Amino acid sequence: MNDRVGPTVSRPYDHHDSRVAASGDRITEPPLDFIGWLRWFWRQLTSMRTALLLLLLLAMAAVPGSLVPQRTADPNGVTQYFADNPDLASALDKVQAFDVYSSVWFSAIYLLLFVSLIGCVIPRTRHHLRALRAKPPKTPARLGRLAGFTTRDAPAGTDAAAAIDSARSLLRFGGYRVALFESGSEVSISAERGFLRESGNLLFHLALIGILIVGGFGSGFGFSGQRVLVEGQTFVNTLLAYDSFKPGRFFDEERLDPYTLALDSFDVEYETLNLKAYGQPVDYTAGVTVAVQGKTARTDEVKVNAPLRVAGTDVFLLGNGYAPTITVRDPKGNIAFTDSVPFLPQDANLTSLGVVKVPDGLAQQLGLTGFFYPTQAKAQSGAYFSSFPDLEYPMLTLNVYAGGLGLDAGVPASVYALNTDKMTQLTGGDTGTKSLELKPGQTQELPNGLGTVTFENADSGATDGDFSGSVLRFASFDVNNDPAQGWVLLFSVLALLGLLTSLFVPRRRIWVKAIRRENGSVCLEYAGLARGDDPALEAAVFTLAKRHNAVLAPTPPSTQTTEPI
């Protein structure tokens, strides 16, 4: 071999990595063609390093979704964010910060991670299948360099082949794959086990890919809808009956199975014995009646974390509160408005804010905003508040506005907000007229002779001072349909099993060698090698040697060991 010695390297002159060619010029590598660049890109994408980097990027890309409200989860919060920060919100909207999980950049990272995982798993699966069919490797020449190395002298008269044969039986009983090797005066056996470790690792990654696939399938064909029901109201599972509805990309309205859900009662239990937790809710129970088309109606309950399963959908109990029944009449006593209006809770004691809009039936369009106090109390400043969330001393306060509600323009408006830009305030604030204050069953005159407003008592049979049941309650339900949730559960269980297997099943090799000496005796050598961390390897080798010698020189059954290898 001719070597050319350079200033920094000594390599054969024709070596592909040599810095100096025979002519003294630098080696010019052939340029990559289109297929070559594709192959290079694929290898980079499917490397484990790239998969970990993409996983980190995906976690970082999800951070904006928790910092700003998302249109899919909190559309009202997005609207409020635009109102509070118009310039910043406009800039964030251009980069899809309010739609993070459906944005182009988040989807790109997600898909690249998906492809990278598949590209990592397929070659590893092929390699693992080849390893399962391959026989254990040949016994090393020097076992003394390996972990747990120990030697034993076989009993006199022991044949080397018979000793190895007995070791093979022990190792097979311990779940090892074995292979026999013979070279001159040496006979050895090579054994290995722990392929379940790599199988579990592959199962974990395959299950993770399965979760990604069925998760996308479920989100594409499923839907989620919300509906607020007041006691006594009924919900029909049709698209127009939802207060808000989020369909999947491939959702078909024909998939909505017809059924009705009626809220019969809503019961809440509050803590009254423990003063440190006084007024805290102990239990929520929504009593419902469900009627599926073609089946007999049945009564059931919906609780927090205990959804109702009906017609392929899960009905979850979300929020709740009070819905005072308010009636507005014109000066002649004709009813212009009557309904049980949900008031949104503002604190733990259910001080609640609500809006009533009366577009027709009076001389002017009317808007009422007010607070409902389940147990009305008065602070030193004179402000009202609720001191307990149950109906002990309920009171409703209302401010009256007259003018244009803005409904005639056809612009959608929230039922929980009142635009007073084109309205005149008639009570409360700087008007000099006190806000209307009503208890259940009371009626008061509206300003300017517009009519009357009544706070209806829902329990007509209640006695004086007994307000329990005087105000109806509402419950907010989330109706969710995910056709892939069963598959997600299956793949999640498989991923957990695969992870546990890959963590707790050791991958190890053990060798037993029998060496024939010139004097006819036999020396037995034992050693092992772990792939990864295996703190029990040395103990396993020692146990094998101990059991093997016990087999070669049998002892009474009472003293034989049954320790695992």
Protein backbone atom coordinates (compact mmCIF):
# COMPACT_ATOMS: atom_id res chain seq x y z
CA MET A 1 0.00 0.00 0.00
CA ASN A 2 1.37 3.40 -0.94
CA ASP A 3 0.83 6.11 1.63
CA ARG A 4 1.15 9.80 0.98
CA VAL A 5 1.93 11.71 4.16
CA GLY A 6 0.46 15.21 4.34
CA PRO A 7 0.91 17.91 6.94
CA THR A 8 -2.14 16.84 9.03
CA VAL A 9 -3.23 13.36 7.87
CA SER A 10 -1.72 10.08 6.75
CA ARG A 11 -4.11 8.13 4.51
CA PRO A 12 -3.81 6.01 1.37
CA TYR A 13 -3.48 8.40 -1.54
CA ASP A 14 -6.62 7.08 -3.20
CA HIS A 15 -8.77 7.11 -0.01
CA HIS A 16 -12.09 8.92 -0.58
CA ASP A 17 -11.53 11.06 2.53
CA SER A 18 -7.96 12.00 1.75
CA ARG A 19 -7.31 15.73 1.75
CA VAL A 20 -4.66 15.52 -0.95
CA ALA A 21 -5.11 13.56 -4.17
CA ALA A 22 -2.30 12.12 -6.18
CA SER A 23 -2.12 15.24 -8.28
CA GLY A 24 -2.15 17.48 -5.23
CA ASP A 25 -5.63 18.82 -5.99
CA ARG A 26 -8.66 18.61 -3.66
CA ILE A 27 -11.14 15.81 -4.37
CA THR A 28 -14.29 16.93 -6.17
CA GLU A 29 -17.39 14.97 -5.20
CA PRO A 30 -20.08 14.42 -7.83
CA PRO A 31 -23.07 16.78 -7.47
CA LEU A 32 -26.38 15.43 -6.17
CA ASP A 33 -29.16 15.08 -8.69
CA PHE A 34 -32.86 15.59 -7.91
CA ILE A 35 -33.31 12.03 -6.64
CA GLY A 36 -30.20 12.40 -4.52
CA TRP A 37 -31.50 15.55 -2.88
CA LEU A 38 -34.85 13.85 -2.20
CA ARG A 39 -33.05 10.90 -0.63
CA TRP A 40 -30.95 13.27 1.51
CA PHE A 41 -34.01 15.23 2.61
CA TRP A 42 -35.89 12.03 3.49
CA ARG A 43 -32.98 10.74 5.59
CA GLN A 44 -32.79 14.03 7.47
CA LEU A 45 -36.55 14.13 8.05
CA THR A 46 -36.76 10.55 9.28
CA SER A 47 -33.87 10.76 11.71
CA MET A 48 -34.61 10.54 15.43
CA ARG A 49 -32.89 13.87 15.96
CA THR A 50 -35.33 15.57 13.59
CA ALA A 51 -38.31 13.85 15.25
CA LEU A 52 -37.24 15.15 18.66
CA LEU A 53 -36.70 18.64 17.23
CA LEU A 54 -40.16 18.63 15.64
CA LEU A 55 -41.69 17.43 18.91
CA LEU A 56 -40.04 20.35 20.69
CA LEU A 57 -41.24 22.77 18.01
CA LEU A 58 -44.79 21.41 18.33
CA ALA A 59 -44.73 22.05 22.08
CA MET A 60 -43.44 25.59 21.52
CA ALA A 61 -46.02 26.23 18.77
CA ALA A 62 -48.83 25.28 21.17
CA VAL A 63 -47.81 27.99 23.67
CA PRO A 64 -49.66 30.87 21.90
CA GLY A 65 -52.85 28.83 22.15
CA SER A 66 -52.75 29.19 25.94
CA LEU A 67 -51.74 32.87 25.93
CA VAL A 68 -54.51 34.30 23.75
CA PRO A 69 -58.15 33.14 23.41
CA GLN A 70 -58.98 30.77 20.57
CA ARG A 71 -61.98 31.18 18.27
CA THR A 72 -62.91 27.52 18.55
CA ALA A 73 -62.95 27.49 22.35
CA ASP A 74 -63.70 31.08 23.40
CA PRO A 75 -65.16 33.19 20.58
CA ASN A 76 -66.44 35.81 23.03
CA GLY A 77 -62.94 36.10 24.49
CA VAL A 78 -61.56 36.77 21.01
CA THR A 79 -64.15 39.49 20.46
CA GLN A 80 -63.24 41.07 23.80
CA TYR A 81 -59.52 40.85 22.97
CA PHE A 82 -60.12 42.79 19.75
CA ALA A 83 -62.05 45.40 21.72
CA ASP A 84 -59.31 45.77 24.35
CA ASN A 85 -56.27 45.53 22.04
CA PRO A 86 -57.36 46.39 18.47
CA ASP A 87 -53.89 46.97 17.01
CA LEU A 88 -52.22 43.97 18.65
CA ALA A 89 -55.20 41.73 17.90
CA SER A 90 -55.07 42.66 14.20
CA ALA A 91 -51.37 41.76 14.03
CA LEU A 92 -51.92 38.48 15.89
CA ASP A 93 -54.81 37.58 13.62
CA LYS A 94 -52.57 37.86 10.55
CA VAL A 95 -50.33 35.10 11.93
CA GLN A 96 -53.39 32.99 12.94
CA ALA A 97 -52.69 33.37 16.66
CA PHE A 98 -56.43 33.06 17.41
CA ASP A 99 -56.62 29.80 15.42
CA VAL A 100 -53.35 28.21 16.53
CA TYR A 101 -54.34 24.56 16.31
CA SER A 102 -55.73 24.89 12.78
CA SER A 103 -53.11 27.34 11.51
CA VAL A 104 -50.86 26.61 8.54
CA TRP A 105 -47.64 26.68 10.57
CA PHE A 106 -48.95 24.44 13.37
CA SER A 107 -50.39 21.98 10.85
CA ALA A 108 -47.07 21.92 8.96
CA ILE A 109 -45.14 21.00 12.11
CA TYR A 110 -47.79 18.42 13.01
CA LEU A 111 -47.67 16.76 9.58
CA LEU A 112 -43.87 16.79 9.43
CA LEU A 113 -43.74 15.14 12.86
CA PHE A 114 -46.27 12.58 11.67
CA VAL A 115 -44.21 11.75 8.56
CA SER A 116 -40.99 11.72 10.58
CA LEU A 117 -42.42 9.22 13.08
CA ILE A 118 -43.56 6.92 10.27
CA GLY A 119 -40.17 7.20 8.58
CA CYS A 120 -38.43 6.31 11.85
CA VAL A 121 -40.67 3.38 12.72
CA ILE A 122 -40.75 1.55 9.36
CA PRO A 123 -36.95 0.93 9.08
CA ARG A 124 -36.77 -0.01 12.77
CA THR A 125 -39.61 -2.48 12.28
CA ARG A 126 -37.85 -4.14 9.34
CA HIS A 127 -34.60 -4.32 11.30
CA HIS A 128 -36.42 -5.76 14.33
CA LEU A 129 -38.11 -8.45 12.24
CA ARG A 130 -34.73 -9.47 10.80
CA ALA A 131 -33.28 -9.58 14.33
CA LEU A 132 -36.10 -11.86 15.47
CA ARG A 133 -35.23 -14.37 12.72
CA ALA A 134 -31.48 -14.17 13.24
CA LYS A 135 -29.71 -16.58 15.60
CA PRO A 136 -27.74 -15.29 18.63
CA PRO A 137 -24.21 -14.05 17.88
CA LYS A 138 -21.15 -16.22 18.18
CA THR A 139 -19.58 -16.60 21.62
CA PRO A 140 -16.77 -14.06 22.17
CA ALA A 141 -13.26 -15.47 22.49
CA ARG A 142 -12.57 -13.71 25.82
CA LEU A 143 -15.57 -13.80 28.14
CA GLY A 144 -13.46 -12.34 30.94
CA ARG A 145 -13.98 -8.86 29.52
CA LEU A 146 -17.76 -9.03 29.92
CA ALA A 147 -20.07 -8.29 32.84
CA GLY A 148 -20.60 -10.88 35.58
CA PHE A 149 -17.79 -13.10 34.38
CA THR A 150 -17.39 -16.13 36.60
CA THR A 151 -15.86 -19.59 36.29
CA ARG A 152 -16.70 -22.98 37.75
CA ASP A 153 -14.99 -26.33 37.64
CA ALA A 154 -17.38 -28.96 36.42
CA PRO A 155 -17.70 -32.12 38.55
CA ALA A 156 -15.25 -34.89 37.69
CA GLY A 157 -16.32 -36.96 34.74
CA THR A 158 -18.56 -34.26 33.26
CA ASP A 159 -18.66 -34.19 29.49
CA ALA A 160 -18.34 -30.71 27.95
CA ALA A 161 -21.13 -31.28 25.44
CA ALA A 162 -23.47 -32.63 28.15
CA ALA A 163 -22.70 -29.64 30.38
CA ILE A 164 -23.54 -27.23 27.58
CA ASP A 165 -26.67 -29.19 26.77
CA SER A 166 -27.90 -28.83 30.36
CA ALA A 167 -27.10 -25.09 30.27
CA ARG A 168 -29.11 -24.81 27.06
CA SER A 169 -32.13 -26.39 28.78
CA LEU A 170 -31.88 -23.92 31.68
CA LEU A 171 -31.63 -20.92 29.38
CA ARG A 172 -34.52 -22.03 27.19
CA PHE A 173 -36.61 -22.49 30.32
CA GLY A 174 -35.70 -18.89 31.23
CA GLY A 175 -37.04 -17.60 27.89
CA TYR A 176 -33.73 -17.28 26.03
CA ARG A 177 -33.09 -18.03 22.36
CA VAL A 178 -29.99 -20.19 22.15
CA ALA A 179 -27.37 -21.22 19.59
CA LEU A 180 -24.65 -23.84 19.98
CA PHE A 181 -21.06 -23.27 18.85
CA GLU A 182 -18.07 -25.64 18.90
CA SER A 183 -14.44 -24.85 18.19
CA GLY A 184 -11.67 -27.32 18.97
CA SER A 185 -11.62 -28.03 22.70
CA GLU A 186 -14.33 -25.45 23.42
CA VAL A 187 -18.08 -25.90 23.32
CA SER A 188 -20.26 -22.89 24.03
CA ILE A 189 -23.80 -21.69 23.93
CA SER A 190 -24.95 -18.17 23.08
CA ALA A 191 -28.31 -17.05 24.46
CA GLU A 192 -30.26 -13.83 24.24
CA ARG A 193 -33.64 -12.52 25.28
CA GLY A 194 -35.42 -9.20 25.73
CA PHE A 195 -36.67 -8.65 22.18
CA LEU A 196 -39.94 -7.61 23.78
CA ARG A 197 -38.13 -4.42 24.81
CA GLU A 198 -37.75 -3.30 21.20
CA SER A 199 -41.19 -4.73 20.37
CA GLY A 200 -42.68 -2.59 23.13
CA ASN A 201 -40.80 0.44 21.86
CA LEU A 202 -42.15 -0.10 18.36
CA LEU A 203 -45.64 -0.77 19.73
CA PHE A 204 -45.50 2.55 21.59
CA HIS A 205 -44.56 4.49 18.46
CA LEU A 206 -47.06 2.64 16.26
CA ALA A 207 -49.80 3.30 18.82
CA LEU A 208 -48.79 6.96 18.90
CA ILE A 209 -49.15 7.11 15.13
CA GLY A 210 -52.49 5.37 15.46
CA ILE A 211 -53.66 7.99 17.95
CA LEU A 212 -52.66 10.75 15.54
CA ILE A 213 -54.54 9.09 12.68
CA VAL A 214 -57.78 8.28 14.50
CA GLY A 215 -57.62 11.60 16.35
CA GLY A 216 -57.61 13.42 13.03
CA PHE A 217 -60.38 11.16 11.76
CA GLY A 218 -62.49 11.86 14.85
CA SER A 219 -62.01 15.61 14.70
CA GLY A 220 -62.86 15.61 11.00
CA PHE A 221 -66.11 13.65 11.24
CA GLY A 222 -67.22 14.58 14.77
CA PHE A 223 -68.81 17.69 16.20
CA SER A 224 -69.25 19.63 19.42
CA GLY A 225 -72.22 21.80 20.33
CA GLN A 226 -73.41 23.77 23.35
CA ARG A 227 -76.89 24.46 24.60
CA VAL A 228 -78.24 26.26 27.68
CA LEU A 229 -81.45 24.80 29.11
CA VAL A 230 -83.67 26.28 31.80
CA GLU A 231 -85.61 23.90 34.01
CA GLY A 232 -88.65 22.75 32.06
CA GLN A 233 -87.13 23.40 28.62
CA THR A 234 -86.44 20.73 26.00
CA PHE A 235 -83.59 20.48 23.52
CA VAL A 236 -83.98 18.73 20.15
CA ASN A 237 -80.81 17.41 18.55
CA THR A 238 -80.96 19.45 15.36
CA LEU A 239 -78.42 21.91 14.00
CA LEU A 240 -80.58 24.99 14.58
CA ALA A 241 -81.29 24.05 18.21
CA TYR A 242 -77.69 24.58 19.36
CA ASP A 243 -76.54 27.88 20.88
CA SER A 244 -73.11 27.28 19.39
CA PHE A 245 -71.90 24.49 17.12
CA LYS A 246 -68.46 23.41 15.98
CA PRO A 247 -68.56 20.78 13.21
CA GLY A 248 -65.61 18.79 11.92
CA ARG A 249 -64.30 19.44 8.45
CA PHE A 250 -66.12 16.41 7.02
CA PHE A 251 -69.23 16.66 9.19
CA ASP A 252 -72.56 15.86 7.58
CA GLU A 253 -75.76 17.19 9.13
CA GLU A 254 -77.45 13.90 8.30
CA ARG A 255 -75.32 12.25 11.01
CA LEU A 256 -77.30 14.02 13.75
CA ASP A 257 -79.46 11.31 15.31
CA PRO A 258 -82.85 12.73 16.33
CA TYR A 259 -83.51 12.76 20.07
CA THR A 260 -84.82 15.16 22.71
CA LEU A 261 -83.31 16.12 26.05
CA ALA A 262 -85.53 17.83 28.64
CA LEU A 263 -84.11 19.40 31.80
CA ASP A 264 -86.60 18.37 34.48
CA SER A 265 -84.69 19.61 37.52
CA PHE A 266 -81.32 20.90 38.61
CA ASP A 267 -80.27 20.22 42.18
CA VAL A 268 -77.22 21.64 43.92
CA GLU A 269 -75.89 20.70 47.34
CA TYR A 270 -73.84 23.33 49.17
CA GLU A 271 -71.48 22.94 52.12
CA THR A 272 -73.02 24.38 55.29
CA LEU A 273 -71.19 22.56 58.09
CA ASN A 274 -67.54 23.32 57.36
CA LEU A 275 -67.09 27.05 57.89
CA LYS A 276 -63.81 27.08 55.96
CA ALA A 277 -65.64 25.80 52.88
CA TYR A 278 -69.02 27.41 53.61
CA GLY A 279 -71.07 27.86 50.44
CA GLN A 280 -68.87 25.65 48.28
CA PRO A 281 -70.82 23.33 45.94
CA VAL A 282 -70.68 19.68 46.96
CA ASP A 283 -72.68 18.10 44.14
CA TYR A 284 -74.52 19.07 40.96
CA THR A 285 -77.27 16.85 39.55
CA ALA A 286 -79.24 17.55 36.39
CA GLY A 287 -82.36 15.40 36.16
CA VAL A 288 -83.24 14.88 32.50
CA THR A 289 -85.69 12.98 30.33
CA VAL A 290 -84.27 11.52 27.14
CA ALA A 291 -86.40 10.39 24.22
CA VAL A 292 -84.70 8.73 21.24
CA GLN A 293 -86.70 8.27 18.06
CA GLY A 294 -88.34 4.88 18.04
CA LYS A 295 -87.61 4.18 21.73
CA THR A 296 -89.41 4.77 25.01
CA ALA A 297 -88.47 7.94 26.89
CA ARG A 298 -86.35 7.41 29.98
CA THR A 299 -85.23 9.53 32.92
CA ASP A 300 -81.57 9.89 33.75
CA GLU A 301 -79.03 12.13 35.47
CA VAL A 302 -76.06 14.16 34.30
CA LYS A 303 -73.31 15.03 36.75
CA VAL A 304 -69.93 16.70 36.55
CA ASN A 305 -67.46 14.15 35.13
CA ALA A 306 -70.35 11.73 34.62
CA PRO A 307 -71.68 12.46 31.11
CA LEU A 308 -74.83 11.01 29.63
CA ARG A 309 -74.40 8.72 26.62
CA VAL A 310 -77.28 9.02 24.16
CA ALA A 311 -77.56 8.25 20.43
CA GLY A 312 -73.80 8.23 19.82
CA THR A 313 -73.17 11.52 21.67
CA ASP A 314 -71.79 12.34 25.09
CA VAL A 315 -73.72 15.04 26.97
CA PHE A 316 -71.50 16.83 29.50
CA LEU A 317 -72.65 19.16 32.27
CA LEU A 318 -70.68 22.42 32.13
CA GLY A 319 -71.93 25.57 33.85
CA ASN A 320 -75.09 26.46 35.72
CA GLY A 321 -76.82 29.44 37.29
CA TYR A 322 -80.17 31.12 37.82
CA ALA A 323 -82.75 32.11 35.23
CA PRO A 324 -85.23 34.62 36.74
CA THR A 325 -88.60 34.63 34.99
CA ILE A 326 -89.32 38.23 33.94
CA THR A 327 -92.54 39.55 32.45
CA VAL A 328 -92.91 42.99 30.85
CA ARG A 329 -96.43 44.38 30.20
CA ASP A 330 -97.60 47.50 28.41
CA PRO A 331 -99.75 50.12 30.22
CA LYS A 332 -102.90 48.15 29.31
CA GLY A 333 -101.57 44.95 30.88
CA ASN A 334 -100.81 43.16 27.65
CA ILE A 335 -97.70 40.97 27.82
CA ALA A 336 -94.89 42.32 25.66
CA PHE A 337 -92.21 39.93 26.95
CA THR A 338 -92.07 36.94 29.27
CA ASP A 339 -89.26 34.43 29.57
CA SER A 340 -86.87 32.78 31.99
CA VAL A 341 -83.62 34.65 31.27
CA PRO A 342 -80.28 33.00 32.16
CA PHE A 343 -78.14 35.36 34.26
CA LEU A 344 -74.42 34.67 34.04
CA PRO A 345 -72.64 34.09 37.40
CA GLN A 346 -69.96 36.64 38.26
CA ASP A 347 -68.57 35.15 41.48
CA ALA A 348 -68.62 32.02 43.63
CA ASN A 349 -71.80 33.13 45.42
CA LEU A 350 -73.58 33.40 42.04
CA THR A 351 -74.03 37.15 41.89
CA SER A 352 -75.28 37.08 38.29
CA LEU A 353 -75.53 39.53 35.42
CA GLY A 354 -78.30 39.40 32.81
CA VAL A 355 -79.91 41.30 29.94
CA VAL A 356 -83.52 41.52 28.80
CA LYS A 357 -84.40 42.93 25.36
CA VAL A 358 -87.99 43.95 24.51
CA PRO A 359 -88.08 44.91 20.81
CA ASP A 360 -91.88 44.96 20.35
CA GLY A 361 -95.10 45.57 22.23
CA LEU A 362 -94.21 48.90 23.93
CA ALA A 363 -94.10 52.53 22.83
CA GLN A 364 -90.31 52.26 22.64
CA GLN A 365 -87.84 49.42 22.39
CA LEU A 366 -86.70 48.55 25.88
CA GLY A 367 -83.49 47.11 27.30
CA LEU A 368 -83.04 45.93 30.89
CA THR A 369 -79.70 45.14 32.48
CA GLY A 370 -79.43 43.96 36.02
CA PHE A 371 -77.98 41.76 38.72
CA PHE A 372 -79.54 38.83 40.49
CA TYR A 373 -78.51 38.11 44.09
CA PRO A 374 -79.52 34.63 45.41
CA THR A 375 -78.91 35.82 48.96
CA GLN A 376 -78.89 39.60 48.85
CA ALA A 377 -76.66 41.43 51.32
CA LYS A 378 -75.45 45.02 51.57
CA ALA A 379 -71.88 46.21 52.02
CA GLN A 380 -70.87 49.25 54.06
CA SER A 381 -70.46 51.18 50.80
CA GLY A 382 -74.12 50.54 50.03
CA ALA A 383 -73.43 48.10 47.16
CA TYR A 384 -75.37 44.88 47.01
CA PHE A 385 -73.72 41.46 46.85
CA SER A 386 -74.66 37.82 47.33
CA SER A 387 -73.44 36.23 50.55
CA PHE A 388 -74.54 32.65 49.74
CA PRO A 389 -75.17 30.86 46.42
CA ASP A 390 -78.52 29.33 47.39
CA LEU A 391 -81.93 31.04 47.42
CA GLU A 392 -82.13 32.45 50.95
CA TYR A 393 -83.11 36.06 50.17
CA PRO A 394 -83.22 36.53 46.36
CA MET A 395 -83.37 39.99 44.82
CA LEU A 396 -83.28 41.31 41.27
CA THR A 397 -82.10 44.84 40.41
CA LEU A 398 -82.71 46.31 36.96
CA ASN A 399 -81.59 49.39 35.07
CA VAL A 400 -83.93 50.47 32.26
CA TYR A 401 -82.85 51.76 28.85
CA ALA A 402 -85.17 53.02 26.09
CA GLY A 403 -84.35 53.55 22.42
CA GLY A 404 -83.03 51.50 19.51
CA LEU A 405 -81.75 48.03 20.39
CA GLY A 406 -79.93 47.79 17.06
CA LEU A 407 -81.76 44.60 16.10
CA ASP A 408 -83.47 46.06 13.01
CA ALA A 409 -80.16 46.35 11.11
CA GLY A 410 -79.85 42.58 11.01
CA VAL A 411 -76.41 42.58 12.66
CA PRO A 412 -75.94 39.58 15.01
CA ALA A 413 -75.71 40.57 18.67
CA SER A 414 -75.05 38.60 21.83
CA VAL A 415 -78.10 37.94 24.01
CA TYR A 416 -75.87 38.54 27.05
CA ALA A 417 -74.83 42.09 26.02
CA LEU A 418 -76.78 45.33 25.51
CA ASN A 419 -75.53 48.03 23.15
CA THR A 420 -76.65 51.30 24.74
CA ASP A 421 -75.09 53.69 22.19
CA LYS A 422 -78.50 54.65 20.79
CA MET A 423 -80.46 54.23 24.01
CA THR A 424 -81.36 56.53 26.90
CA GLN A 425 -80.85 55.32 30.45
CA LEU A 426 -84.00 55.82 32.53
CA THR A 427 -83.00 54.37 35.92
CA GLY A 428 -79.76 54.00 37.87
CA GLY A 429 -76.47 55.78 37.34
CA ASP A 430 -76.76 59.57 36.95
CA THR A 431 -80.46 59.55 36.06
CA GLY A 432 -81.57 60.44 39.55
CA THR A 433 -84.03 57.54 39.49
CA LYS A 434 -83.30 54.53 41.64
CA SER A 435 -82.79 51.16 39.97
CA LEU A 436 -85.74 48.80 40.10
CA GLU A 437 -85.54 46.28 42.94
CA LEU A 438 -87.77 43.21 42.92
CA LYS A 439 -88.24 40.07 44.95
CA PRO A 440 -89.97 36.97 43.55
CA GLY A 441 -93.62 37.78 42.90
CA GLN A 442 -93.21 41.58 42.95
CA THR A 443 -94.15 44.06 40.18
CA GLN A 444 -92.90 47.63 39.61
CA GLU A 445 -93.80 50.43 37.23
CA LEU A 446 -91.47 51.22 34.35
CA PRO A 447 -90.39 54.88 33.96
CA ASN A 448 -92.28 57.23 31.62
CA GLY A 449 -95.44 55.13 31.84
CA LEU A 450 -94.00 52.46 29.57
CA GLY A 451 -95.69 49.67 31.52
CA THR A 452 -94.70 47.26 34.28
CA VAL A 453 -92.06 44.60 34.96
CA THR A 454 -92.70 41.55 37.13
CA PHE A 455 -90.23 39.17 38.76
CA GLU A 456 -92.31 35.98 38.60
CA ASN A 457 -92.27 33.47 41.43
CA ALA A 458 -91.62 30.06 39.87
CA ASP A 459 -93.05 28.31 42.96
CA SER A 460 -96.62 29.56 43.20
CA GLY A 461 -97.27 27.46 46.30
CA ALA A 462 -94.40 28.88 48.38
CA THR A 463 -95.20 30.49 51.73
CA ASP A 464 -94.01 33.91 52.82
CA GLY A 465 -90.32 33.96 53.52
CA ASP A 466 -89.72 30.63 51.79
CA PHE A 467 -87.85 31.35 48.56
CA SER A 468 -86.59 27.83 47.78
CA GLY A 469 -87.64 27.03 44.23
CA SER A 470 -88.79 30.58 43.56
CA VAL A 471 -86.25 31.04 40.76
CA LEU A 472 -85.57 28.52 38.02
CA ARG A 473 -82.05 27.31 37.39
CA PHE A 474 -80.32 26.75 34.08
CA ALA A 475 -77.64 24.28 33.06
CA SER A 476 -75.16 24.48 30.23
CA PHE A 477 -74.62 21.25 28.31
CA ASP A 478 -71.88 20.29 25.89
CA VAL A 479 -72.93 17.68 23.32
CA ASN A 480 -69.89 15.95 21.87
CA ASN A 481 -69.63 13.32 19.15
CA ASP A 482 -66.28 11.66 18.48
CA PRO A 483 -66.55 8.55 16.31
CA ALA A 484 -62.92 7.66 17.02
CA GLN A 485 -62.91 7.77 20.82
CA GLY A 486 -63.01 3.96 21.14
CA TRP A 487 -60.01 3.65 18.85
CA VAL A 488 -58.18 6.39 20.75
CA LEU A 489 -58.73 4.43 23.97
CA LEU A 490 -57.43 1.24 22.35
CA PHE A 491 -54.29 2.88 20.98
CA SER A 492 -53.70 4.69 24.29
CA VAL A 493 -53.77 1.36 26.15
CA LEU A 494 -51.41 -0.15 23.57
CA ALA A 495 -49.06 2.83 23.90
CA LEU A 496 -49.01 2.43 27.69
CA LEU A 497 -48.33 -1.31 27.43
CA GLY A 498 -45.58 -0.69 24.90
CA LEU A 499 -43.99 1.98 27.08
CA LEU A 500 -44.04 -0.23 30.18
CA THR A 501 -42.58 -3.13 28.21
CA SER A 502 -39.77 -1.01 26.79
CA LEU A 503 -38.94 0.32 30.25
CA PHE A 504 -38.99 -2.85 32.33
CA VAL A 505 -37.98 -5.69 29.99
CA PRO A 506 -34.15 -5.99 29.90
CA ARG A 507 -32.32 -6.86 26.69
CA ARG A 508 -29.42 -9.15 27.53
CA ARG A 509 -27.12 -11.85 26.19
CA ILE A 510 -25.54 -14.65 28.21
CA TRP A 511 -22.80 -17.05 27.19
CA VAL A 512 -21.74 -20.35 28.72
CA LYS A 513 -18.49 -21.90 27.56
CA ALA A 514 -17.12 -25.34 28.43
CA ILE A 515 -13.35 -25.71 27.95
CA ARG A 516 -11.78 -29.16 27.92
CA ARG A 517 -8.43 -29.20 29.74
CA GLU A 518 -5.57 -31.56 28.86
CA ASN A 519 -6.10 -33.50 32.08
CA GLY A 520 -9.70 -34.28 31.06
CA SER A 521 -11.41 -31.84 33.43
CA VAL A 522 -13.89 -29.24 32.21
CA CYS A 523 -13.85 -25.53 33.09
CA LEU A 524 -17.12 -23.63 32.75
CA GLU A 525 -17.17 -19.91 32.00
CA TYR A 526 -20.21 -17.65 32.32
CA ALA A 527 -20.62 -14.03 31.22
CA GLY A 528 -23.28 -11.61 30.05
CA LEU A 529 -23.76 -8.42 28.09
CA ALA A 530 -26.65 -5.95 28.37
CA ARG A 531 -28.01 -3.69 25.68
CA GLY A 532 -28.66 -0.63 27.72
CA ASP A 533 -28.87 -0.39 31.48
CA ASP A 534 -29.45 -3.74 33.21
CA PRO A 535 -28.45 -3.66 36.90
CA ALA A 536 -29.62 -7.27 37.36
CA LEU A 537 -27.30 -8.73 34.72
CA GLU A 538 -24.48 -9.80 37.03
CA ALA A 539 -26.95 -11.39 39.43
CA ALA A 540 -28.55 -13.25 36.50
CA VAL A 541 -25.16 -14.65 35.41
CA PHE A 542 -24.35 -15.69 38.97
CA THR A 543 -27.76 -17.36 39.36
CA LEU A 544 -27.30 -19.25 36.09
CA ALA A 545 -23.88 -20.52 37.21
CA LYS A 546 -25.28 -21.59 40.54
CA ARG A 547 -28.26 -23.43 39.06
CA HIS A 548 -26.15 -25.00 36.34
CA ASN A 549 -23.70 -26.42 38.86
CA ALA A 550 -26.62 -27.66 40.92
CA VAL A 551 -27.89 -29.55 37.88
CA LEU A 552 -24.48 -31.02 37.13
CA ALA A 553 -24.01 -32.08 40.77
CA PRO A 554 -27.60 -32.60 42.05
CA THR A 555 -28.39 -31.70 45.63
CA PRO A 556 -31.44 -32.61 47.72
CA PRO A 557 -34.62 -30.90 46.47
CA SER A 558 -35.00 -28.95 49.70
CA THR A 559 -31.77 -27.04 49.01
CA GLN A 560 -32.23 -26.39 45.28
CA THR A 561 -32.74 -22.78 44.28
CA THR A 562 -35.55 -21.55 42.10
CA GLU A 563 -34.24 -18.05 41.52
CA PRO A 564 -34.99 -16.66 38.02
CA ILE A 565 -32.20 -16.10 35.55
